């Protein structure tokens, strides 16, 4: 069913149509939020906040425009203007993050201490570290990088969502890419083998510091795909002066299906306010 038909049915009070419409965009919003904020619970909360905005503003959508772009713009406005989340409180820069990594000691992994396999915990440490790198970008740069580089929005769509020119979108995306690549090339052993920093050497310390939970994996639970397999548009890279290895690492992050958000949709649709707004059946 097309978005337009779901929208019409939802506005007329069809609960299932509204639920299907929200579910169509839920997972994408959650995964953008997870890359944007690097914390699963915060990403779930943000996703629910955006879904509420989509519901409450749905009757204002003018169907002569593209609904996807309309949703993406709600995401943009919410992400750029929402209150600072827990990891943003640290106001990280690439320099401060590099110092933090240097101060985290290398440790041997403690054998069979945990029920989760060692390679999964090391992968969790890698995913957490890479998502933390994105927090070194300011919010606008971060969102442009996530849309343009990870989800491969062409500049025609990215500029419309961010409400800037195509040229400005390309310039801001290039700067974010350059900053991330420079940091990883100077610090990360995944990109430059000469760098001493290795995920496996940091994992035990990450667990002690609470950055990795050996009981509940935040970045791998409920994986249904990888980011690069769900990109809405595949476009040719328009800047070849930055090596592509780092992008491959980010693009292979798992694309998750957040069960907690799925349950929250049911709760939202059952609320008295939403039922009255949409005259839900």
Protein backbone atom coordinates (compact mmCIF):
# COMPACT_ATOMS: atom_id res chain seq x y z
CA UNK A 1 0.00 0.00 0.00
CA UNK A 2 1.34 3.44 -0.92
CA UNK A 3 2.10 5.99 1.78
CA UNK A 4 -0.68 8.25 0.47
CA UNK A 5 -3.33 5.56 0.95
CA UNK A 6 -2.09 4.74 4.45
CA UNK A 7 -2.15 8.46 5.31
CA UNK A 8 -5.73 8.89 4.09
CA UNK A 9 -6.91 5.82 5.96
CA UNK A 10 -5.06 6.85 9.13
CA UNK A 11 -6.61 10.33 9.10
CA UNK A 12 -10.02 8.67 8.65
CA UNK A 13 -9.45 6.64 11.83
CA UNK A 14 -7.97 3.37 10.54
CA UNK A 15 -5.73 2.23 13.41
CA UNK A 16 -3.99 -0.49 11.37
CA UNK A 17 -3.11 1.95 8.59
CA UNK A 18 -1.58 4.36 11.09
CA UNK A 19 0.35 1.54 12.72
CA UNK A 20 1.66 0.32 9.35
CA UNK A 21 2.70 3.85 8.37
CA UNK A 22 4.67 4.33 11.58
CA UNK A 23 6.28 0.89 11.33
CA UNK A 24 7.38 1.67 7.77
CA UNK A 25 9.72 4.41 9.08
CA UNK A 26 10.34 3.23 12.66
CA UNK A 27 13.44 1.09 12.08
CA UNK A 28 15.12 3.70 9.88
CA UNK A 29 14.51 6.45 12.44
CA UNK A 30 15.84 4.25 15.24
CA UNK A 31 19.04 3.35 13.40
CA UNK A 32 19.72 6.97 12.45
CA UNK A 33 19.14 7.90 16.11
CA UNK A 34 21.48 5.15 17.31
CA UNK A 35 24.27 6.42 15.06
CA UNK A 36 23.46 9.99 16.07
CA UNK A 37 23.44 9.49 19.84
CA UNK A 38 25.40 6.21 20.43
CA UNK A 39 23.05 4.91 23.13
CA UNK A 40 20.31 2.36 22.53
CA UNK A 41 17.83 3.49 25.20
CA UNK A 42 18.21 7.14 24.20
CA UNK A 43 17.74 6.17 20.54
CA UNK A 44 14.53 4.33 21.42
CA UNK A 45 13.23 7.37 23.33
CA UNK A 46 14.12 9.71 20.44
CA UNK A 47 12.41 7.39 17.96
CA UNK A 48 9.22 7.44 20.01
CA UNK A 49 9.35 11.25 20.23
CA UNK A 50 9.68 11.51 16.44
CA UNK A 51 6.84 9.03 15.87
CA UNK A 52 4.60 11.13 18.11
CA UNK A 53 5.46 14.21 16.04
CA UNK A 54 4.69 12.35 12.81
CA UNK A 55 1.32 11.29 14.21
CA UNK A 56 0.33 14.69 15.55
CA UNK A 57 1.45 16.55 12.40
CA UNK A 58 0.08 14.00 9.92
CA UNK A 59 -3.07 15.99 9.14
CA UNK A 60 -0.88 18.96 8.09
CA UNK A 61 0.99 16.97 5.44
CA UNK A 62 0.30 18.27 1.95
CA UNK A 63 0.20 15.28 -0.33
CA UNK A 64 1.60 17.08 -3.34
CA UNK A 65 5.07 16.76 -1.74
CA UNK A 66 7.06 13.61 -0.96
CA UNK A 67 6.11 12.00 2.36
CA UNK A 68 9.56 10.48 2.90
CA UNK A 69 11.22 13.87 2.67
CA UNK A 70 8.57 15.29 5.00
CA UNK A 71 9.38 12.56 7.57
CA UNK A 72 13.13 13.07 7.14
CA UNK A 73 12.70 16.79 7.78
CA UNK A 74 10.81 16.09 11.01
CA UNK A 75 13.71 13.85 12.01
CA UNK A 76 16.20 16.61 11.17
CA UNK A 77 14.37 19.30 13.12
CA UNK A 78 13.91 17.06 16.14
CA UNK A 79 17.49 15.78 16.18
CA UNK A 80 19.04 19.23 15.85
CA UNK A 81 16.83 20.89 18.47
CA UNK A 82 16.21 18.21 21.13
CA UNK A 83 17.81 18.38 24.55
CA UNK A 84 21.36 17.10 24.88
CA UNK A 85 21.58 13.37 25.56
CA UNK A 86 23.82 11.65 28.07
CA UNK A 87 26.91 11.14 25.88
CA UNK A 88 26.60 14.63 24.41
CA UNK A 89 27.09 16.09 27.89
CA UNK A 90 30.82 15.38 27.57
CA UNK A 91 31.20 17.77 24.59
CA UNK A 92 33.78 15.49 22.98
CA UNK A 93 36.26 16.62 20.38
CA UNK A 94 38.53 14.41 18.31
CA UNK A 95 41.49 15.55 20.44
CA UNK A 96 39.75 14.78 23.74
CA UNK A 97 38.52 11.42 22.42
CA UNK A 98 42.07 10.54 21.35
CA UNK A 99 43.32 11.36 24.86
CA UNK A 100 40.56 9.22 26.39
CA UNK A 101 41.55 6.26 24.21
CA UNK A 102 45.19 6.67 25.22
CA UNK A 103 44.21 6.65 28.90
CA UNK A 104 42.16 3.45 28.63
CA UNK A 105 44.64 0.65 29.39
CA UNK A 106 45.22 -2.33 27.13
CA UNK A 107 44.25 -5.53 28.93
CA UNK A 108 44.22 -9.23 28.21
CA UNK A 109 40.73 -10.62 27.76
CA UNK A 110 39.76 -12.69 30.86
CA UNK A 111 39.15 -15.99 29.12
CA UNK A 112 35.76 -17.63 29.78
CA UNK A 113 34.58 -15.13 32.39
CA UNK A 114 31.57 -14.07 30.28
CA UNK A 115 28.80 -16.11 28.68
CA UNK A 116 29.02 -14.04 25.47
CA UNK A 117 31.76 -15.09 23.06
CA UNK A 118 34.89 -12.96 23.07
CA UNK A 119 34.60 -12.03 19.39
CA UNK A 120 31.09 -10.62 19.97
CA UNK A 121 32.29 -8.50 22.88
CA UNK A 122 35.21 -7.20 20.80
CA UNK A 123 32.78 -6.37 17.98
CA UNK A 124 30.55 -4.55 20.49
CA UNK A 125 33.56 -2.54 21.67
CA UNK A 126 34.40 -1.63 18.07
CA UNK A 127 30.84 -0.55 17.28
CA UNK A 128 30.62 1.53 20.45
CA UNK A 129 33.95 3.22 19.80
CA UNK A 130 33.08 4.08 16.20
CA UNK A 131 29.68 5.49 17.13
CA UNK A 132 31.39 7.56 19.83
CA UNK A 133 33.64 9.04 17.13
CA UNK A 134 30.56 10.54 15.50
CA UNK A 135 29.84 12.47 18.71
CA UNK A 136 33.02 14.46 18.02
CA UNK A 137 31.17 16.10 15.12
CA UNK A 138 28.66 18.86 15.86
CA UNK A 139 25.01 17.88 15.44
CA UNK A 140 24.57 19.24 11.94
CA UNK A 141 27.78 17.62 10.67
CA UNK A 142 26.86 14.37 12.37
CA UNK A 143 23.43 14.18 10.79
CA UNK A 144 24.76 15.14 7.36
CA UNK A 145 27.40 12.42 7.63
CA UNK A 146 24.82 9.81 8.70
CA UNK A 147 22.42 10.73 5.89
CA UNK A 148 24.94 11.37 3.14
CA UNK A 149 27.64 8.82 3.87
CA UNK A 150 26.05 5.97 5.84
CA UNK A 151 22.58 5.96 4.26
CA UNK A 152 23.82 7.36 0.95
CA UNK A 153 21.29 10.13 0.43
CA UNK A 154 22.13 11.96 -2.83
CA UNK A 155 22.80 15.67 -2.43
CA UNK A 156 19.43 16.44 -4.05
CA UNK A 157 17.61 14.73 -1.18
CA UNK A 158 20.12 15.57 1.56
CA UNK A 159 20.03 19.27 0.78
CA UNK A 160 16.22 19.30 0.79
CA UNK A 161 16.08 17.51 4.15
CA UNK A 162 18.73 19.75 5.72
CA UNK A 163 17.26 22.84 4.01
CA UNK A 164 20.58 23.94 2.54
CA UNK A 165 21.93 24.11 -1.01
CA UNK A 166 23.28 21.01 -2.76
CA UNK A 167 26.74 22.56 -2.85
CA UNK A 168 26.62 23.36 0.86
CA UNK A 169 25.48 19.82 1.64
CA UNK A 170 28.42 18.40 -0.35
CA UNK A 171 30.89 20.75 1.36
CA UNK A 172 29.65 19.92 4.87
CA UNK A 173 29.62 16.20 4.10
CA UNK A 174 33.17 16.36 2.73
CA UNK A 175 34.40 18.14 5.86
CA UNK A 176 32.80 15.56 8.15
CA UNK A 177 34.26 12.70 6.10
CA UNK A 178 37.70 14.30 6.12
CA UNK A 179 37.65 14.85 9.89
CA UNK A 180 36.60 11.27 10.62
CA UNK A 181 39.09 9.78 8.22
CA UNK A 182 41.95 11.92 9.55
CA UNK A 183 41.14 10.86 13.10
CA UNK A 184 40.93 7.16 12.26
CA UNK A 185 44.04 7.28 10.11
CA UNK A 186 46.00 8.84 12.98
CA UNK A 187 44.53 6.78 15.81
CA UNK A 188 42.63 3.65 14.77
CA UNK A 189 44.36 0.35 14.06
CA UNK A 190 41.45 -0.74 11.88
CA UNK A 191 42.43 1.83 9.25
CA UNK A 192 46.16 2.26 9.80
CA UNK A 193 47.95 -0.87 10.99
CA UNK A 194 50.78 1.28 12.36
CA UNK A 195 48.45 2.63 15.05
CA UNK A 196 48.66 0.68 18.33
CA UNK A 197 44.97 1.11 19.28
CA UNK A 198 43.17 -2.24 18.87
CA UNK A 199 39.59 -3.08 19.81
CA UNK A 200 40.58 -6.46 21.28
CA UNK A 201 43.09 -4.81 23.62
CA UNK A 202 40.55 -2.27 24.90
CA UNK A 203 37.51 -4.54 25.32
CA UNK A 204 38.25 -5.74 28.87
CA UNK A 205 38.71 -2.13 30.01
CA UNK A 206 35.54 -1.06 28.19
CA UNK A 207 33.63 -3.70 30.13
CA UNK A 208 35.07 -2.51 33.47
CA UNK A 209 34.20 1.10 32.61
CA UNK A 210 30.63 0.15 31.62
CA UNK A 211 30.99 1.03 27.94
CA UNK A 212 30.36 -2.60 26.95
CA UNK A 213 27.67 -4.66 28.65
CA UNK A 214 28.64 -8.36 28.49
CA UNK A 215 25.07 -9.37 29.37
CA UNK A 216 23.12 -7.24 26.89
CA UNK A 217 24.74 -6.20 23.62
CA UNK A 218 23.39 -2.77 22.65
CA UNK A 219 24.70 -2.57 19.08
CA UNK A 220 24.19 -6.13 17.84
CA UNK A 221 20.91 -7.26 19.43
CA UNK A 222 18.02 -7.76 16.97
CA UNK A 223 20.16 -7.15 13.89
CA UNK A 224 18.20 -7.68 10.65
CA UNK A 225 20.67 -6.30 8.11
CA UNK A 226 23.60 -3.93 7.72
CA UNK A 227 23.32 -0.21 7.07
CA UNK A 228 24.70 -0.46 3.56
CA UNK A 229 22.02 -2.99 2.58
CA UNK A 230 19.15 -0.66 3.50
CA UNK A 231 20.40 2.59 1.97
CA UNK A 232 17.46 4.20 0.14
CA UNK A 233 19.59 5.35 -2.79
CA UNK A 234 22.89 4.06 -4.10
CA UNK A 235 24.94 6.88 -5.58
CA UNK A 236 28.44 7.13 -6.92
CA UNK A 237 30.91 8.69 -4.54
CA UNK A 238 31.51 12.24 -5.67
CA UNK A 239 34.71 12.69 -3.65
CA UNK A 240 37.53 10.22 -4.10
CA UNK A 241 40.21 12.09 -2.15
CA UNK A 242 39.25 10.38 1.12
CA UNK A 243 39.98 6.68 1.35
CA UNK A 244 36.90 4.48 1.50
CA UNK A 245 37.96 1.91 4.10
CA UNK A 246 36.54 3.87 7.03
CA UNK A 247 33.16 4.22 5.31
CA UNK A 248 32.99 0.47 4.79
CA UNK A 249 33.51 -0.05 8.52
CA UNK A 250 30.63 2.29 9.36
CA UNK A 251 28.34 0.97 6.62
CA UNK A 252 28.70 -2.58 7.92
CA UNK A 253 27.29 -1.64 11.32
CA UNK A 254 24.17 -3.71 12.03
CA UNK A 255 20.76 -2.34 11.11
CA UNK A 256 18.56 -3.13 14.10
CA UNK A 257 14.89 -3.80 14.72
CA UNK A 258 14.07 -2.17 18.06
CA UNK A 259 11.50 -4.27 19.89
CA UNK A 260 11.10 -1.63 22.58
CA UNK A 261 9.93 0.91 19.98
CA UNK A 262 7.56 -1.59 18.37
CA UNK A 263 5.89 -2.07 21.75
CA UNK A 264 5.76 1.72 22.27
CA UNK A 265 3.77 2.17 19.04
CA UNK A 266 1.08 -0.12 20.42
CA UNK A 267 1.04 1.89 23.65
CA UNK A 268 0.84 5.20 21.78
CA UNK A 269 -2.04 4.04 19.59
CA UNK A 270 -3.91 2.92 22.69
CA UNK A 271 -3.58 6.30 24.41
CA UNK A 272 -6.75 8.35 24.79
CA UNK A 273 -5.19 11.42 23.14
CA UNK A 274 -4.22 9.59 19.95
CA UNK A 275 -7.52 7.71 19.80
CA UNK A 276 -9.43 10.99 19.99
CA UNK A 277 -7.14 12.76 17.49
CA UNK A 278 -7.59 10.08 14.83
CA UNK A 279 -10.98 8.69 15.90
CA UNK A 280 -9.30 5.31 15.82
CA UNK A 281 -11.38 2.18 15.36
